[in-house]
Amino acid sequence: MIVAMKAVSLGFDLDRGELPAVPSPVEFMGYIYFVGTAIFGPWSRFRSYLQAVESRALVRVGGVGTASLVGTPDVFKNSLQLGTFSAVIVTYAASALLHGLSFHLATVLLSLGFITYVEHVLRKRLSVIFDACLLSKRCPASCPHRHNTNLWVRLLNLLFGALAVFHLAYLGSLFDIDADDTVEEQGYSMSYTIYKWSELSWASHWVTFSCWVFYRLIG
């Protein structure tokens, strides 16, 4: 998937004239097998790869990703100029596209994108209203929130954690552990996807929609 994303990105850069010439085979192979993204990703542009190689510095060691360790910019953060919602949806849409346009994988990934966004904005809004550590990412020790270790704060965070488990179980219900490898690779049909979620009354989608409505109401 990472190789496909890099090849597509390089093609767009050449088409837009952002690169003076087609990279040599050695440069292209270096880009494809770049140590910062070869293991777990993320995708990075050819220019970012060149900047990381030319800098020869291991920067941002505080990060947890291999790309950060070798100096590659956070791709997702670069896409935030489109807005948080657009960045999340575009990221999951690209992932769905590169998984072969399987309907059930696309629906899972896009649903996950909406769920992630709604949880993020809701927790952020509640964090402001209650001045509490309710963000989706753990607050640093020096955070300015008035409430951080209170029992009700811990319970709310626990509730959001349980909600995340619920969403993951719901999305995971599409994957049949008894199916053979061929079905798993090609993906399930549209009718199977709709049937499985209909059996569950579209519970996760309704919960996500309700959370979004609640977020808008308290805004």
N, C-alpha and C. Protein backbone atom coordinates (compact mmCIF):
# COMPACT_ATOMS: atom_id res chain seq x y z
N MET A 1 0.83 -1.20 0.00
CA MET A 1 0.00 0.00 0.00
C MET A 1 0.87 1.26 0.00
N ILE A 2 1.92 1.25 0.83
CA ILE A 2 2.82 2.40 0.89
C ILE A 2 3.50 2.61 -0.44
N VAL A 3 3.94 1.52 -1.09
CA VAL A 3 4.59 1.62 -2.40
C VAL A 3 3.65 2.24 -3.42
N ALA A 4 2.39 1.80 -3.42
CA ALA A 4 1.40 2.33 -4.37
C ALA A 4 1.17 3.82 -4.13
N MET A 5 1.06 4.22 -2.86
CA MET A 5 0.84 5.63 -2.54
C MET A 5 2.03 6.48 -2.98
N LYS A 6 3.24 5.96 -2.78
CA LYS A 6 4.43 6.71 -3.18
C LYS A 6 4.51 6.86 -4.69
N ALA A 7 4.20 5.79 -5.41
CA ALA A 7 4.25 5.84 -6.87
C ALA A 7 3.22 6.83 -7.42
N VAL A 8 2.01 6.81 -6.88
CA VAL A 8 0.96 7.74 -7.30
C VAL A 8 1.36 9.17 -6.98
N SER A 9 1.90 9.39 -5.79
CA SER A 9 2.32 10.73 -5.37
C SER A 9 3.42 11.26 -6.28
N LEU A 10 4.38 10.41 -6.61
CA LEU A 10 5.47 10.82 -7.49
C LEU A 10 4.95 11.20 -8.86
N GLY A 11 3.98 10.45 -9.36
CA GLY A 11 3.38 10.77 -10.65
C GLY A 11 2.70 12.12 -10.66
N PHE A 12 1.98 12.45 -9.57
CA PHE A 12 1.32 13.75 -9.48
C PHE A 12 2.35 14.88 -9.39
N ASP A 13 3.42 14.67 -8.63
CA ASP A 13 4.46 15.69 -8.50
C ASP A 13 5.12 15.98 -9.85
N LEU A 14 5.36 14.93 -10.62
CA LEU A 14 5.94 15.12 -11.96
C LEU A 14 4.97 15.83 -12.88
N ASP A 15 3.69 15.48 -12.79
CA ASP A 15 2.68 16.10 -13.64
C ASP A 15 2.52 17.58 -13.33
N ARG A 16 2.65 17.95 -12.05
CA ARG A 16 2.52 19.35 -11.65
C ARG A 16 3.81 20.14 -11.85
N GLY A 17 4.88 19.46 -12.21
CA GLY A 17 6.14 20.14 -12.42
C GLY A 17 6.89 20.47 -11.15
N GLU A 18 6.54 19.80 -10.04
CA GLU A 18 7.21 20.07 -8.78
C GLU A 18 8.58 19.41 -8.71
N LEU A 19 8.82 18.44 -9.59
CA LEU A 19 10.13 17.81 -9.68
C LEU A 19 10.73 18.12 -11.04
N PRO A 20 12.01 18.51 -11.09
CA PRO A 20 12.62 18.90 -12.37
C PRO A 20 12.77 17.75 -13.36
N ALA A 21 12.92 16.53 -12.85
CA ALA A 21 13.11 15.38 -13.74
C ALA A 21 12.66 14.10 -13.04
N VAL A 22 12.49 13.06 -13.84
CA VAL A 22 12.12 11.76 -13.28
C VAL A 22 13.31 11.23 -12.47
N PRO A 23 13.09 10.80 -11.23
CA PRO A 23 14.19 10.26 -10.42
C PRO A 23 14.84 9.06 -11.10
N SER A 24 16.12 8.91 -10.86
CA SER A 24 16.83 7.75 -11.39
C SER A 24 16.32 6.49 -10.70
N PRO A 25 16.57 5.32 -11.28
CA PRO A 25 16.15 4.07 -10.63
C PRO A 25 16.67 3.93 -9.21
N VAL A 26 17.92 4.38 -8.99
CA VAL A 26 18.49 4.30 -7.64
C VAL A 26 17.75 5.22 -6.68
N GLU A 27 17.45 6.45 -7.14
CA GLU A 27 16.71 7.39 -6.29
C GLU A 27 15.31 6.88 -5.99
N PHE A 28 14.68 6.31 -7.01
CA PHE A 28 13.33 5.80 -6.81
C PHE A 28 13.31 4.64 -5.83
N MET A 29 14.28 3.73 -5.95
CA MET A 29 14.34 2.61 -5.03
C MET A 29 14.64 3.08 -3.61
N GLY A 30 15.50 4.11 -3.50
CA GLY A 30 15.76 4.67 -2.18
C GLY A 30 14.51 5.26 -1.56
N TYR A 31 13.69 5.90 -2.39
CA TYR A 31 12.42 6.48 -1.94
C TYR A 31 11.46 5.38 -1.50
N ILE A 32 11.35 4.33 -2.30
CA ILE A 32 10.43 3.23 -2.00
C ILE A 32 10.81 2.51 -0.71
N TYR A 33 12.13 2.27 -0.53
CA TYR A 33 12.59 1.49 0.61
C TYR A 33 13.17 2.36 1.72
N PHE A 34 12.79 3.62 1.74
CA PHE A 34 13.28 4.55 2.76
C PHE A 34 12.99 3.99 4.15
N VAL A 35 14.02 3.93 4.99
CA VAL A 35 13.90 3.27 6.29
C VAL A 35 12.83 3.91 7.17
N GLY A 36 12.60 5.19 7.00
CA GLY A 36 11.62 5.87 7.84
C GLY A 36 10.19 5.46 7.59
N THR A 37 9.92 4.89 6.39
CA THR A 37 8.54 4.53 6.06
C THR A 37 8.40 3.10 5.57
N ALA A 38 9.47 2.35 5.55
CA ALA A 38 9.43 1.00 4.99
C ALA A 38 8.73 -0.01 5.90
N ILE A 39 8.73 0.26 7.20
CA ILE A 39 8.20 -0.74 8.14
C ILE A 39 6.70 -0.58 8.35
N PHE A 40 6.31 0.56 8.88
CA PHE A 40 4.89 0.78 9.18
C PHE A 40 4.30 1.98 8.46
N GLY A 41 5.05 2.66 7.60
CA GLY A 41 4.55 3.88 7.01
C GLY A 41 4.93 5.05 7.89
N PRO A 42 4.42 6.24 7.69
CA PRO A 42 3.36 6.57 6.74
C PRO A 42 3.90 6.91 5.36
N TRP A 43 2.99 7.16 4.44
CA TRP A 43 3.38 7.62 3.11
C TRP A 43 4.01 8.99 3.24
N SER A 44 5.01 9.27 2.40
CA SER A 44 5.62 10.60 2.39
C SER A 44 5.94 10.97 0.95
N ARG A 45 5.99 12.26 0.66
CA ARG A 45 6.27 12.73 -0.69
C ARG A 45 7.76 12.62 -0.99
N PHE A 46 8.10 12.62 -2.27
CA PHE A 46 9.50 12.47 -2.67
C PHE A 46 10.34 13.62 -2.15
N ARG A 47 9.78 14.82 -2.14
CA ARG A 47 10.53 15.98 -1.64
C ARG A 47 10.82 15.84 -0.14
N SER A 48 9.87 15.30 0.61
CA SER A 48 10.09 15.06 2.04
C SER A 48 11.19 14.03 2.25
N TYR A 49 11.20 13.02 1.39
CA TYR A 49 12.25 12.00 1.46
C TYR A 49 13.62 12.63 1.21
N LEU A 50 13.72 13.50 0.20
CA LEU A 50 14.99 14.16 -0.09
C LEU A 50 15.44 15.04 1.07
N GLN A 51 14.49 15.76 1.68
CA GLN A 51 14.84 16.62 2.82
C GLN A 51 15.37 15.79 3.98
N ALA A 52 14.75 14.64 4.21
CA ALA A 52 15.20 13.79 5.32
C ALA A 52 16.59 13.22 5.05
N VAL A 53 16.85 12.83 3.78
CA VAL A 53 18.14 12.26 3.43
C VAL A 53 19.24 13.31 3.46
N GLU A 54 18.93 14.49 2.92
CA GLU A 54 19.95 15.53 2.84
C GLU A 54 20.28 16.13 4.20
N SER A 55 19.30 16.12 5.11
CA SER A 55 19.56 16.69 6.44
C SER A 55 20.51 15.82 7.24
N ARG A 56 20.44 14.48 7.01
CA ARG A 56 21.30 13.51 7.69
C ARG A 56 21.22 13.66 9.22
N ALA A 57 20.07 14.08 9.69
CA ALA A 57 19.92 14.27 11.14
C ALA A 57 18.73 13.50 11.65
N LEU A 58 18.90 12.84 12.78
CA LEU A 58 17.78 12.15 13.42
C LEU A 58 17.09 13.14 14.33
N VAL A 59 16.00 13.72 13.83
CA VAL A 59 15.33 14.76 14.57
C VAL A 59 14.00 14.25 15.10
N ARG A 60 13.39 15.04 15.98
CA ARG A 60 12.10 14.71 16.56
C ARG A 60 12.11 13.32 17.18
N VAL A 61 13.15 13.06 17.95
CA VAL A 61 13.28 11.75 18.57
C VAL A 61 12.15 11.48 19.55
N GLY A 62 11.51 12.55 20.03
CA GLY A 62 10.42 12.37 20.97
C GLY A 62 9.21 11.69 20.37
N GLY A 63 9.10 11.63 19.05
CA GLY A 63 7.97 10.98 18.41
C GLY A 63 8.06 9.47 18.56
N VAL A 64 6.96 8.75 18.27
CA VAL A 64 6.95 7.28 18.38
C VAL A 64 7.07 6.59 17.04
N GLY A 65 7.08 7.39 15.92
CA GLY A 65 7.11 6.81 14.57
C GLY A 65 8.50 6.80 13.98
N THR A 66 8.81 5.82 13.11
CA THR A 66 10.11 5.76 12.46
C THR A 66 10.32 6.94 11.53
N ALA A 67 9.24 7.46 10.92
CA ALA A 67 9.39 8.60 10.03
C ALA A 67 9.85 9.82 10.80
N SER A 68 9.34 10.01 12.01
CA SER A 68 9.76 11.13 12.85
C SER A 68 11.23 11.00 13.21
N LEU A 69 11.67 9.77 13.45
CA LEU A 69 13.05 9.56 13.86
C LEU A 69 14.04 9.97 12.78
N VAL A 70 13.68 9.82 11.52
CA VAL A 70 14.60 10.16 10.45
C VAL A 70 14.33 11.53 9.87
N GLY A 71 13.41 12.28 10.44
CA GLY A 71 13.22 13.65 10.03
C GLY A 71 12.16 13.88 8.99
N THR A 72 11.30 12.93 8.74
CA THR A 72 10.24 13.10 7.76
C THR A 72 9.05 13.80 8.40
N PRO A 73 8.45 14.83 7.75
CA PRO A 73 7.31 15.53 8.32
C PRO A 73 6.11 14.62 8.47
N ASP A 74 5.26 14.92 9.43
CA ASP A 74 4.03 14.17 9.66
C ASP A 74 3.06 14.48 8.51
N VAL A 75 2.82 13.50 7.68
CA VAL A 75 1.98 13.71 6.48
C VAL A 75 0.58 14.11 6.87
N PHE A 76 0.02 13.42 7.84
CA PHE A 76 -1.36 13.75 8.27
C PHE A 76 -1.45 15.21 8.72
N LYS A 77 -0.42 15.71 9.44
CA LYS A 77 -0.44 17.09 9.90
C LYS A 77 -0.40 18.06 8.73
N ASN A 78 0.31 17.68 7.67
CA ASN A 78 0.34 18.54 6.48
C ASN A 78 -1.03 18.66 5.84
N SER A 79 -1.82 17.60 5.90
CA SER A 79 -3.15 17.63 5.30
C SER A 79 -4.16 18.37 6.16
N LEU A 80 -3.77 18.75 7.37
CA LEU A 80 -4.70 19.46 8.26
C LEU A 80 -5.04 20.85 7.74
N GLN A 81 -4.29 21.34 6.76
CA GLN A 81 -4.62 22.64 6.18
C GLN A 81 -5.99 22.58 5.48
N LEU A 82 -6.45 21.38 5.18
CA LEU A 82 -7.78 21.20 4.60
C LEU A 82 -8.88 21.26 5.66
N GLY A 83 -8.49 21.24 6.92
CA GLY A 83 -9.46 21.14 8.01
C GLY A 83 -9.42 19.75 8.59
N THR A 84 -9.73 19.63 9.88
CA THR A 84 -9.64 18.33 10.56
C THR A 84 -10.54 17.29 9.91
N PHE A 85 -11.79 17.66 9.66
CA PHE A 85 -12.73 16.70 9.08
C PHE A 85 -12.26 16.23 7.71
N SER A 86 -11.88 17.17 6.85
CA SER A 86 -11.43 16.81 5.50
C SER A 86 -10.17 15.95 5.56
N ALA A 87 -9.24 16.30 6.46
CA ALA A 87 -8.00 15.53 6.57
C ALA A 87 -8.27 14.09 6.98
N VAL A 88 -9.17 13.90 7.94
CA VAL A 88 -9.50 12.54 8.40
C VAL A 88 -10.16 11.74 7.30
N ILE A 89 -11.16 12.34 6.64
CA ILE A 89 -11.91 11.62 5.61
C ILE A 89 -11.03 11.32 4.40
N VAL A 90 -10.21 12.29 4.00
CA VAL A 90 -9.32 12.06 2.85
C VAL A 90 -8.34 10.95 3.15
N THR A 91 -7.81 10.92 4.38
CA THR A 91 -6.86 9.88 4.76
C THR A 91 -7.49 8.49 4.68
N TYR A 92 -8.69 8.35 5.27
CA TYR A 92 -9.36 7.04 5.24
C TYR A 92 -9.84 6.68 3.84
N ALA A 93 -10.24 7.70 3.04
CA ALA A 93 -10.67 7.44 1.67
C ALA A 93 -9.50 6.94 0.83
N ALA A 94 -8.33 7.55 1.03
CA ALA A 94 -7.13 7.10 0.30
C ALA A 94 -6.78 5.68 0.69
N SER A 95 -6.91 5.38 1.97
CA SER A 95 -6.62 4.02 2.43
C SER A 95 -7.59 3.01 1.81
N ALA A 96 -8.87 3.38 1.74
CA ALA A 96 -9.87 2.51 1.13
C ALA A 96 -9.58 2.30 -0.35
N LEU A 97 -9.17 3.37 -1.04
CA LEU A 97 -8.86 3.28 -2.46
C LEU A 97 -7.70 2.34 -2.71
N LEU A 98 -6.68 2.43 -1.87
CA LEU A 98 -5.49 1.61 -2.06
C LEU A 98 -5.67 0.18 -1.58
N HIS A 99 -6.79 -0.10 -0.93
CA HIS A 99 -7.10 -1.48 -0.55
C HIS A 99 -7.90 -2.18 -1.64
N GLY A 100 -8.00 -1.54 -2.81
CA GLY A 100 -8.62 -2.21 -3.94
C GLY A 100 -10.09 -1.92 -4.14
N LEU A 101 -10.59 -0.85 -3.53
CA LEU A 101 -12.00 -0.46 -3.68
C LEU A 101 -12.97 -1.57 -3.28
N SER A 102 -12.59 -2.33 -2.28
CA SER A 102 -13.50 -3.32 -1.72
C SER A 102 -14.60 -2.57 -0.98
N PHE A 103 -15.86 -2.91 -1.27
CA PHE A 103 -16.97 -2.16 -0.67
C PHE A 103 -16.95 -2.26 0.84
N HIS A 104 -16.76 -3.49 1.36
CA HIS A 104 -16.85 -3.63 2.82
C HIS A 104 -15.67 -2.98 3.52
N LEU A 105 -14.47 -3.01 2.91
CA LEU A 105 -13.34 -2.32 3.52
C LEU A 105 -13.52 -0.81 3.46
N ALA A 106 -14.05 -0.32 2.33
CA ALA A 106 -14.28 1.11 2.18
C ALA A 106 -15.29 1.61 3.22
N THR A 107 -16.37 0.84 3.42
CA THR A 107 -17.38 1.27 4.38
C THR A 107 -16.83 1.25 5.81
N VAL A 108 -16.01 0.24 6.11
CA VAL A 108 -15.41 0.16 7.45
C VAL A 108 -14.47 1.34 7.67
N LEU A 109 -13.61 1.62 6.70
CA LEU A 109 -12.63 2.69 6.86
C LEU A 109 -13.29 4.07 6.91
N LEU A 110 -14.27 4.31 6.04
CA LEU A 110 -14.95 5.60 6.06
C LEU A 110 -15.80 5.77 7.32
N SER A 111 -16.44 4.69 7.75
CA SER A 111 -17.19 4.75 9.01
C SER A 111 -16.25 5.06 10.17
N LEU A 112 -15.07 4.43 10.15
CA LEU A 112 -14.08 4.69 11.18
C LEU A 112 -13.62 6.14 11.15
N GLY A 113 -13.52 6.71 9.94
CA GLY A 113 -13.15 8.11 9.82
C GLY A 113 -14.18 9.03 10.47
N PHE A 114 -15.46 8.79 10.19
CA PHE A 114 -16.52 9.61 10.79
C PHE A 114 -16.56 9.43 12.31
N ILE A 115 -16.43 8.18 12.76
CA ILE A 115 -16.45 7.91 14.20
C ILE A 115 -15.30 8.63 14.89
N THR A 116 -14.11 8.55 14.30
CA THR A 116 -12.93 9.20 14.87
C THR A 116 -13.12 10.71 14.96
N TYR A 117 -13.64 11.30 13.89
CA TYR A 117 -13.83 12.75 13.88
C TYR A 117 -14.84 13.19 14.92
N VAL A 118 -15.98 12.51 14.96
CA VAL A 118 -17.04 12.90 15.91
C VAL A 118 -16.55 12.77 17.35
N GLU A 119 -15.84 11.69 17.65
CA GLU A 119 -15.31 11.54 19.01
C GLU A 119 -14.32 12.66 19.33
N HIS A 120 -13.49 13.00 18.36
CA HIS A 120 -12.48 14.04 18.57
C HIS A 120 -13.12 15.39 18.91
N VAL A 121 -14.08 15.81 18.07
CA VAL A 121 -14.68 17.14 18.29
C VAL A 121 -15.54 17.17 19.54
N LEU A 122 -16.24 16.05 19.84
CA LEU A 122 -17.07 16.00 21.04
C LEU A 122 -16.22 16.10 22.29
N ARG A 123 -15.15 15.32 22.34
CA ARG A 123 -14.28 15.35 23.52
C ARG A 123 -13.61 16.72 23.66
N LYS A 124 -13.26 17.31 22.55
CA LYS A 124 -12.65 18.64 22.59
C LYS A 124 -13.63 19.67 23.13
N ARG A 125 -14.89 19.60 22.69
CA ARG A 125 -15.91 20.54 23.17
C ARG A 125 -16.17 20.35 24.65
N LEU A 126 -16.31 19.10 25.10
CA LEU A 126 -16.54 18.82 26.52
C LEU A 126 -15.34 19.25 27.37
N SER A 127 -14.15 19.10 26.82
CA SER A 127 -12.95 19.51 27.54
C SER A 127 -12.95 21.00 27.81
N VAL A 128 -13.44 21.78 26.84
CA VAL A 128 -13.53 23.23 27.01
C VAL A 128 -14.63 23.61 27.99
N ILE A 129 -15.79 22.98 27.86
CA ILE A 129 -16.94 23.30 28.71
C ILE A 129 -16.65 23.01 30.17
N PHE A 130 -16.07 21.84 30.45
CA PHE A 130 -15.81 21.43 31.83
C PHE A 130 -14.41 21.77 32.31
N ASP A 131 -13.58 22.33 31.41
CA ASP A 131 -12.19 22.64 31.74
C ASP A 131 -11.51 21.41 32.35
N ALA A 132 -11.62 20.30 31.60
CA ALA A 132 -11.14 19.02 32.12
C ALA A 132 -10.35 18.27 31.06
N CYS A 133 -9.57 17.31 31.50
CA CYS A 133 -8.76 16.48 30.60
C CYS A 133 -9.62 15.40 29.97
N LEU A 134 -10.36 15.79 28.95
CA LEU A 134 -11.26 14.86 28.27
C LEU A 134 -10.91 14.70 26.80
N LEU A 135 -9.75 15.15 26.40
CA LEU A 135 -9.34 15.07 25.00
C LEU A 135 -9.05 13.63 24.61
N SER A 136 -9.11 13.35 23.30
CA SER A 136 -8.84 12.00 22.82
C SER A 136 -7.38 11.62 23.02
N LYS A 137 -6.50 12.62 23.05
CA LYS A 137 -5.08 12.37 23.33
C LYS A 137 -4.80 12.77 24.78
N ARG A 138 -4.05 11.96 25.49
CA ARG A 138 -3.75 12.23 26.90
C ARG A 138 -3.07 13.59 27.06
N CYS A 139 -3.54 14.37 28.00
CA CYS A 139 -2.96 15.68 28.25
C CYS A 139 -1.57 15.54 28.90
N PRO A 140 -0.66 16.47 28.64
CA PRO A 140 0.65 16.44 29.31
C PRO A 140 0.50 16.76 30.78
N ALA A 141 1.54 16.49 31.54
CA ALA A 141 1.48 16.73 32.99
C ALA A 141 1.26 18.20 33.33
N SER A 142 1.69 19.08 32.44
CA SER A 142 1.59 20.53 32.70
C SER A 142 0.38 21.17 32.03
N CYS A 143 -0.66 20.37 31.72
CA CYS A 143 -1.82 20.93 31.02
C CYS A 143 -2.55 21.93 31.91
N PRO A 144 -3.19 22.93 31.31
CA PRO A 144 -3.85 24.00 32.08
C PRO A 144 -5.25 23.65 32.57
N HIS A 145 -5.74 22.46 32.29
CA HIS A 145 -7.10 22.12 32.69
C HIS A 145 -7.25 22.11 34.21
N ARG A 146 -8.39 22.61 34.66
CA ARG A 146 -8.66 22.68 36.10
C ARG A 146 -8.92 21.30 36.69
N HIS A 147 -9.60 20.46 35.92
CA HIS A 147 -9.95 19.12 36.40
C HIS A 147 -9.18 18.08 35.58
N ASN A 148 -8.41 17.25 36.26
CA ASN A 148 -7.63 16.24 35.53
C ASN A 148 -7.69 14.85 36.18
N THR A 149 -7.65 14.80 37.49
CA THR A 149 -7.65 13.49 38.15
C THR A 149 -8.94 13.22 38.92
N ASN A 150 -9.93 14.07 38.74
CA ASN A 150 -11.21 13.87 39.43
C ASN A 150 -11.86 12.56 39.00
N LEU A 151 -12.66 12.00 39.90
CA LEU A 151 -13.32 10.73 39.62
C LEU A 151 -14.22 10.83 38.41
N TRP A 152 -14.99 11.91 38.29
CA TRP A 152 -15.92 12.04 37.17
C TRP A 152 -15.18 12.19 35.84
N VAL A 153 -13.99 12.78 35.87
CA VAL A 153 -13.17 12.89 34.66
C VAL A 153 -12.71 11.49 34.23
N ARG A 154 -12.27 10.70 35.20
CA ARG A 154 -11.83 9.34 34.89
C ARG A 154 -12.99 8.49 34.36
N LEU A 155 -14.17 8.69 34.94
CA LEU A 155 -15.33 7.92 34.50
C LEU A 155 -15.74 8.29 33.07
N LEU A 156 -15.68 9.59 32.74
CA LEU A 156 -16.01 10.01 31.39
C LEU A 156 -15.02 9.46 30.37
N ASN A 157 -13.74 9.49 30.72
CA ASN A 157 -12.74 8.92 29.82
C ASN A 157 -12.92 7.42 29.66
N LEU A 158 -13.31 6.77 30.76
CA LEU A 158 -13.60 5.33 30.71
C LEU A 158 -14.80 5.06 29.81
N LEU A 159 -15.79 5.94 29.88
CA LEU A 159 -16.97 5.80 29.04
C LEU A 159 -16.62 5.93 27.56
N PHE A 160 -15.77 6.90 27.24
CA PHE A 160 -15.33 7.05 25.84
C PHE A 160 -14.51 5.85 25.40
N GLY A 161 -13.73 5.28 26.31
CA GLY A 161 -12.96 4.09 25.98
C GLY A 161 -13.86 2.91 25.68
N ALA A 162 -14.91 2.75 26.49
CA ALA A 162 -15.87 1.67 26.26
C ALA A 162 -16.61 1.88 24.94
N LEU A 163 -16.90 3.14 24.63
CA LEU A 163 -17.58 3.46 23.38
C LEU A 163 -16.70 3.10 22.18
N ALA A 164 -15.40 3.34 22.31
CA ALA A 164 -14.46 2.97 21.23
C ALA A 164 -14.44 1.46 21.03
N VAL A 165 -14.46 0.70 22.11
CA VAL A 165 -14.50 -0.77 22.01
C VAL A 165 -15.78 -1.21 21.32
N PHE A 166 -16.88 -0.56 21.65
CA PHE A 166 -18.17 -0.87 21.03
C PHE A 166 -18.12 -0.64 19.52
N HIS A 167 -17.57 0.50 19.11
CA HIS A 167 -17.47 0.81 17.68
C HIS A 167 -16.58 -0.20 16.96
N LEU A 168 -15.46 -0.56 17.57
CA LEU A 168 -14.55 -1.51 16.94
C LEU A 168 -15.19 -2.90 16.80
N ALA A 169 -15.94 -3.30 17.81
CA ALA A 169 -16.63 -4.59 17.74
C ALA A 169 -17.68 -4.57 16.64
N TYR A 170 -18.37 -3.44 16.52
CA TYR A 170 -19.40 -3.29 15.48
C TYR A 170 -18.78 -3.36 14.09
N LEU A 171 -17.70 -2.61 13.89
CA LEU A 171 -17.03 -2.61 12.58
C LEU A 171 -16.42 -3.98 12.29
N GLY A 172 -15.91 -4.62 13.33
CA GLY A 172 -15.29 -5.92 13.15
C GLY A 172 -16.28 -7.03 12.85
N SER A 173 -17.56 -6.76 13.07
CA SER A 173 -18.57 -7.79 12.81
C SER A 173 -18.67 -8.14 11.33
N LEU A 174 -18.12 -7.28 10.46
CA LEU A 174 -18.16 -7.55 9.03
C LEU A 174 -17.19 -8.64 8.61
N PHE A 175 -16.20 -8.91 9.44
CA PHE A 175 -15.16 -9.85 9.06
C PHE A 175 -15.49 -11.24 9.63
N ASP A 176 -15.71 -12.17 8.75
CA ASP A 176 -16.09 -13.52 9.13
C ASP A 176 -14.84 -14.36 9.32
N ILE A 177 -14.59 -14.82 10.54
CA ILE A 177 -13.38 -15.58 10.82
C ILE A 177 -13.41 -16.96 10.17
N ASP A 178 -14.59 -17.41 9.75
CA ASP A 178 -14.70 -18.72 9.12
C ASP A 178 -14.56 -18.67 7.60
N ALA A 179 -14.45 -17.43 7.06
CA ALA A 179 -14.33 -17.30 5.60
C ALA A 179 -12.94 -17.73 5.14
N ASP A 180 -12.86 -18.23 3.89
CA ASP A 180 -11.54 -18.65 3.39
C ASP A 180 -10.72 -17.42 2.99
N ASP A 181 -9.45 -17.63 2.69
CA ASP A 181 -8.53 -16.54 2.40
C ASP A 181 -8.92 -15.76 1.15
N THR A 182 -9.49 -16.44 0.16
CA THR A 182 -9.88 -15.77 -1.08
C THR A 182 -10.94 -14.72 -0.83
N VAL A 183 -11.93 -15.06 -0.02
CA VAL A 183 -12.99 -14.11 0.31
C VAL A 183 -12.43 -12.94 1.10
N GLU A 184 -11.52 -13.22 2.03
CA GLU A 184 -10.93 -12.17 2.84
C GLU A 184 -10.16 -11.18 1.97
N GLU A 185 -9.45 -11.69 0.96
CA GLU A 185 -8.64 -10.82 0.11
C GLU A 185 -9.51 -10.00 -0.84
N GLN A 186 -10.55 -10.61 -1.40
CA GLN A 186 -11.39 -9.93 -2.38
C GLN A 186 -12.44 -9.04 -1.72
N GLY A 187 -12.74 -9.29 -0.48
CA GLY A 187 -13.73 -8.50 0.22
C GLY A 187 -15.12 -9.08 0.09
N TYR A 188 -15.98 -8.72 1.03
CA TYR A 188 -17.35 -9.22 1.02
C TYR A 188 -18.21 -8.34 0.13
N SER A 189 -19.35 -8.86 -0.27
CA SER A 189 -20.24 -8.12 -1.17
C SER A 189 -20.98 -7.01 -0.44
N MET A 190 -21.58 -6.12 -1.24
CA MET A 190 -22.37 -5.03 -0.68
C MET A 190 -23.56 -5.57 0.11
N SER A 191 -24.21 -6.58 -0.44
CA SER A 191 -25.39 -7.13 0.23
C SER A 191 -25.02 -7.74 1.58
N TYR A 192 -23.86 -8.40 1.65
CA TYR A 192 -23.41 -8.99 2.92
C TYR A 192 -23.15 -7.91 3.95
N THR A 193 -22.50 -6.82 3.51
CA THR A 193 -22.18 -5.72 4.41
C THR A 193 -23.46 -5.10 4.98
N ILE A 194 -24.40 -4.81 4.10
CA ILE A 194 -25.66 -4.20 4.54
C ILE A 194 -26.44 -5.16 5.44
N TYR A 195 -26.44 -6.44 5.09
CA TYR A 195 -27.15 -7.43 5.88
C TYR A 195 -26.59 -7.52 7.30
N LYS A 196 -25.27 -7.57 7.43
CA LYS A 196 -24.64 -7.70 8.75
C LYS A 196 -24.95 -6.50 9.63
N TRP A 197 -24.84 -5.30 9.07
CA TRP A 197 -25.10 -4.11 9.87
C TRP A 197 -26.60 -3.92 10.13
N SER A 198 -27.43 -4.39 9.21
CA SER A 198 -28.87 -4.32 9.44
C SER A 198 -29.26 -5.20 10.62
N GLU A 199 -28.60 -6.36 10.73
CA GLU A 199 -28.86 -7.25 11.86
C GLU A 199 -28.58 -6.56 13.18
N LEU A 200 -27.61 -5.63 13.18
CA LEU A 200 -27.24 -4.89 14.39
C LEU A 200 -27.94 -3.55 14.47
N SER A 201 -28.93 -3.35 13.60
CA SER A 201 -29.74 -2.11 13.59
C SER A 201 -28.90 -0.86 13.36
N TRP A 202 -27.77 -1.01 12.68
CA TRP A 202 -26.89 0.13 12.39
C TRP A 202 -26.53 0.88 13.67
N ALA A 203 -26.34 0.12 14.74
CA ALA A 203 -26.18 0.70 16.08
C ALA A 203 -25.05 1.72 16.17
N SER A 204 -23.87 1.36 15.67
CA SER A 204 -22.73 2.26 15.79
C SER A 204 -22.94 3.55 15.00
N HIS A 205 -23.53 3.44 13.84
CA HIS A 205 -23.80 4.63 13.04
C HIS A 205 -24.79 5.56 13.74
N TRP A 206 -25.82 4.98 14.35
CA TRP A 206 -26.79 5.79 15.07
C TRP A 206 -26.16 6.44 16.30
N VAL A 207 -25.31 5.71 16.99
CA VAL A 207 -24.63 6.28 18.16
C VAL A 207 -23.73 7.43 17.73
N THR A 208 -23.01 7.25 16.63
CA THR A 208 -22.13 8.31 16.12
C THR A 208 -22.95 9.54 15.72
N PHE A 209 -24.07 9.31 15.05
CA PHE A 209 -24.93 10.42 14.66
C PHE A 209 -25.48 11.15 15.89
N SER A 210 -25.86 10.39 16.90
CA SER A 210 -26.37 10.99 18.14
C SER A 210 -25.30 11.83 18.83
N CYS A 211 -24.07 11.32 18.83
CA CYS A 211 -22.96 12.07 19.44
C CYS A 211 -22.71 13.36 18.67
N TRP A 212 -22.85 13.30 17.35
CA TRP A 212 -22.66 14.51 16.54
C TRP A 212 -23.75 15.53 16.83
N VAL A 213 -25.00 15.07 16.92
CA VAL A 213 -26.11 15.98 17.25
C VAL A 213 -25.89 16.61 18.62
N PHE A 214 -25.46 15.80 19.60
CA PHE A 214 -25.18 16.31 20.94
C PHE A 214 -24.06 17.35 20.90
N TYR A 215 -23.04 17.08 20.12
CA TYR A 215 -21.92 18.03 19.95
C TYR A 215 -22.41 19.36 19.39
N ARG A 216 -23.31 19.30 18.42
CA ARG A 216 -23.85 20.54 17.83
C ARG A 216 -24.73 21.29 18.83
N LEU A 217 -25.49 20.54 19.63
CA LEU A 217 -26.39 21.17 20.58
C LEU A 217 -25.65 21.91 21.68
N ILE A 218 -24.52 21.36 22.11
CA ILE A 218 -23.79 21.99 23.21
C ILE A 218 -22.81 23.05 22.71
N GLY A 219 -22.80 23.25 21.39
CA GLY A 219 -21.91 24.25 20.81
C GLY A 219 -22.42 25.65 20.95
